[in-house]
Amino acid sequence: MEAAKAIIDTDLLIDLLRNKKEAVELVTGLEKANFLLYTTAINIFEVTGLEKANFLLYTTAINIFELNHGAHKSKDAERNLQAIDTVIRRLVILPLTSKSAQKAGHIYAELEKKGQPIGLRDTFIAAIALTRECSVATGNIVHFKKIPNLKIIE
């Protein structure tokens, strides 16, 4: 039986970095449910204190952008950039492929037609999730719920 796959959105990763209880519990729950996590920007073992997890850690190029953008705006940019680099070396980066870019173009156009546009970055992340048959674990329900057939983990 193939494991379920989930992309952890940047908002939850930031909450994990801040050791927020809800985010830690969500990730721990996903691990216990034997999810294969496609994640962005954090070593979940360190944040949650898990000794062993049954999932692999991935990231997307979009989430690396978001993390670097935030780090460059922060007061302690150098330390934050170093932390990101350390994590990135431990992750496989999922790119925005031609297939996911085409899917993103379709999603974005359909949402614009409905008068419900969302940000391009969320559109790209959703398209990567859909083309890789992943759910998205996020606190950003408002944007992601607008995308048909996208499975969301709250």
Protein backbone atom coordinates (compact mmCIF):
# COMPACT_ATOMS: atom_id res chain seq x y z
CA MET A 1 0.00 0.00 0.00
CA GLU A 2 1.38 3.36 -1.03
CA ALA A 3 1.73 5.94 1.72
CA ALA A 4 -0.35 9.09 1.54
CA LYS A 5 1.64 12.18 0.59
CA ALA A 6 1.38 15.67 2.03
CA ILE A 7 3.10 18.97 1.35
CA ILE A 8 3.48 21.02 4.51
CA ASP A 9 2.86 24.66 3.68
CA THR A 10 5.21 27.43 4.77
CA ASP A 11 2.85 28.76 7.45
CA LEU A 12 3.00 25.46 9.33
CA LEU A 13 6.75 25.25 8.92
CA ILE A 14 7.14 28.68 10.48
CA ASP A 15 4.88 27.57 13.34
CA LEU A 16 7.06 24.49 13.76
CA LEU A 17 10.17 26.66 13.91
CA ARG A 18 8.44 28.62 16.66
CA ASN A 19 7.50 25.33 18.37
CA LYS A 20 3.78 26.11 18.33
CA LYS A 21 1.84 23.25 19.86
CA GLU A 22 -0.79 22.91 17.11
CA ALA A 23 1.80 22.60 14.34
CA VAL A 24 3.88 20.10 16.28
CA GLU A 25 0.76 18.02 17.00
CA LEU A 26 -0.31 18.10 13.34
CA VAL A 27 3.06 16.91 12.07
CA THR A 28 3.26 14.26 14.78
CA GLY A 29 -0.23 13.11 13.83
CA LEU A 30 0.73 12.88 10.16
CA GLU A 31 3.75 10.83 11.09
CA LYS A 32 1.67 8.48 13.17
CA ALA A 33 -0.74 8.11 10.25
CA ASN A 34 2.27 7.07 8.17
CA PHE A 35 2.15 9.98 5.74
CA LEU A 36 4.98 10.51 3.33
CA LEU A 37 5.64 14.18 3.86
CA TYR A 38 6.75 16.42 1.04
CA THR A 39 7.76 19.35 3.15
CA THR A 40 9.43 22.70 2.98
CA ALA A 41 12.22 24.24 4.90
CA ILE A 42 12.56 22.45 8.19
CA ASN A 43 14.00 19.38 9.82
CA ILE A 44 10.93 17.98 11.53
CA PHE A 45 13.01 15.60 13.64
CA GLU A 46 14.63 18.53 15.46
CA VAL A 47 11.47 20.58 15.85
CA THR A 48 9.19 17.83 17.11
CA GLY A 49 11.79 15.88 19.04
CA LEU A 50 10.84 12.71 17.16
CA GLU A 51 13.60 10.13 17.32
CA LYS A 52 12.47 8.31 14.21
CA ALA A 53 9.90 9.14 11.59
CA ASN A 54 8.43 7.04 8.81
CA PHE A 55 8.51 9.74 6.19
CA LEU A 56 10.88 11.44 3.81
CA LEU A 57 11.41 15.18 3.75
CA TYR A 58 11.09 17.20 0.56
CA THR A 59 10.63 20.84 -0.34
CA THR A 60 9.53 22.88 -3.31
CA ALA A 61 11.44 25.63 -5.01
CA ILE A 62 8.50 27.91 -4.23
CA ASN A 63 8.82 27.35 -0.51
CA ILE A 64 12.59 27.91 -0.63
CA PHE A 65 11.83 31.27 -2.24
CA GLU A 66 9.31 32.13 0.49
CA LEU A 67 11.73 31.21 3.26
CA ASN A 68 14.61 33.14 1.73
CA HIS A 69 12.42 36.15 1.11
CA GLY A 70 11.36 36.16 4.76
CA ALA A 71 14.91 35.63 5.98
CA HIS A 72 16.23 38.57 3.96
CA LYS A 73 13.57 40.82 5.49
CA SER A 74 14.27 39.65 9.05
CA LYS A 75 16.40 41.40 11.66
CA ASP A 76 18.73 38.40 11.88
CA ALA A 77 18.97 37.62 8.17
CA GLU A 78 22.37 35.91 8.27
CA ARG A 79 21.39 33.44 10.98
CA ASN A 80 18.07 32.68 9.31
CA LEU A 81 19.70 32.18 5.91
CA GLN A 82 22.22 29.79 7.45
CA ALA A 83 19.39 27.81 9.06
CA ILE A 84 17.61 27.59 5.70
CA ASP A 85 20.79 26.44 3.95
CA THR A 86 21.34 23.75 6.58
CA VAL A 87 17.81 22.45 6.10
CA ILE A 88 17.89 22.62 2.30
CA ARG A 89 20.98 20.38 2.22
CA ARG A 90 18.89 17.71 3.95
CA LEU A 91 15.88 17.96 1.63
CA VAL A 92 15.04 17.00 -1.91
CA ILE A 93 13.74 20.00 -3.83
CA LEU A 94 10.59 19.48 -5.89
CA PRO A 95 10.72 21.89 -8.83
CA LEU A 96 7.97 23.65 -10.66
CA THR A 97 7.94 21.38 -13.70
CA SER A 98 6.42 22.01 -17.08
CA LYS A 99 3.47 19.82 -16.07
CA SER A 100 2.90 21.65 -12.77
CA ALA A 101 3.37 25.06 -14.47
CA GLN A 102 0.68 24.15 -17.00
CA LYS A 103 -1.60 23.04 -14.17
CA ALA A 104 -0.90 26.30 -12.31
CA GLY A 105 -1.79 28.35 -15.39
CA HIS A 106 -5.09 26.52 -15.64
CA ILE A 107 -5.88 26.91 -11.93
CA TYR A 108 -5.00 30.61 -11.90
CA ALA A 109 -7.09 31.36 -15.01
CA GLU A 110 -10.11 29.47 -13.65
CA LEU A 111 -9.95 31.28 -10.31
CA GLU A 112 -9.64 34.65 -12.07
CA LYS A 113 -12.71 33.84 -14.19
CA LYS A 114 -14.65 33.16 -10.98
CA GLY A 115 -13.39 36.40 -9.42
CA GLN A 116 -11.54 34.39 -6.73
CA PRO A 117 -7.84 34.83 -7.51
CA ILE A 118 -5.21 33.69 -5.04
CA GLY A 119 -1.49 34.39 -4.93
CA LEU A 120 0.75 32.91 -7.58
CA ARG A 121 2.95 31.15 -5.00
CA ASP A 122 -0.02 29.30 -3.50
CA THR A 123 -1.15 28.45 -7.02
CA PHE A 124 2.27 26.97 -7.81
CA ILE A 125 2.35 24.96 -4.56
CA ALA A 126 -1.16 23.64 -5.22
CA ALA A 127 -0.25 22.68 -8.78
CA ILE A 128 2.83 20.80 -7.58
CA ALA A 129 0.63 19.01 -5.03
CA LEU A 130 -2.00 18.09 -7.62
CA THR A 131 0.48 16.85 -10.20
CA ARG A 132 2.24 14.74 -7.55
CA GLU A 133 -1.03 13.54 -5.98
CA CYS A 134 -0.27 15.13 -2.61
CA SER A 135 -2.45 16.77 0.02
CA VAL A 136 -1.47 20.16 1.42
CA ALA A 137 -1.17 20.61 5.18
CA THR A 138 -1.79 24.29 5.81
CA GLY A 139 -3.38 26.90 7.98
CA ASN A 140 -4.09 28.91 4.83
CA ILE A 141 -7.43 27.24 4.17
CA VAL A 142 -9.01 30.32 2.57
CA HIS A 143 -6.79 30.21 -0.51
CA PHE A 144 -6.30 26.49 -0.95
CA LYS A 145 -9.97 25.53 -0.55
CA LYS A 146 -10.74 27.46 -3.75
CA ILE A 147 -8.77 24.94 -5.80
CA PRO A 148 -10.87 22.02 -7.09
CA ASN A 149 -9.69 18.49 -6.27
CA LEU A 150 -6.95 19.69 -3.90
CA LYS A 151 -6.96 17.72 -0.67
CA ILE A 152 -6.30 19.90 2.35
CA ILE A 153 -5.15 18.83 5.79
CA GLU A 154 -6.06 21.38 8.45
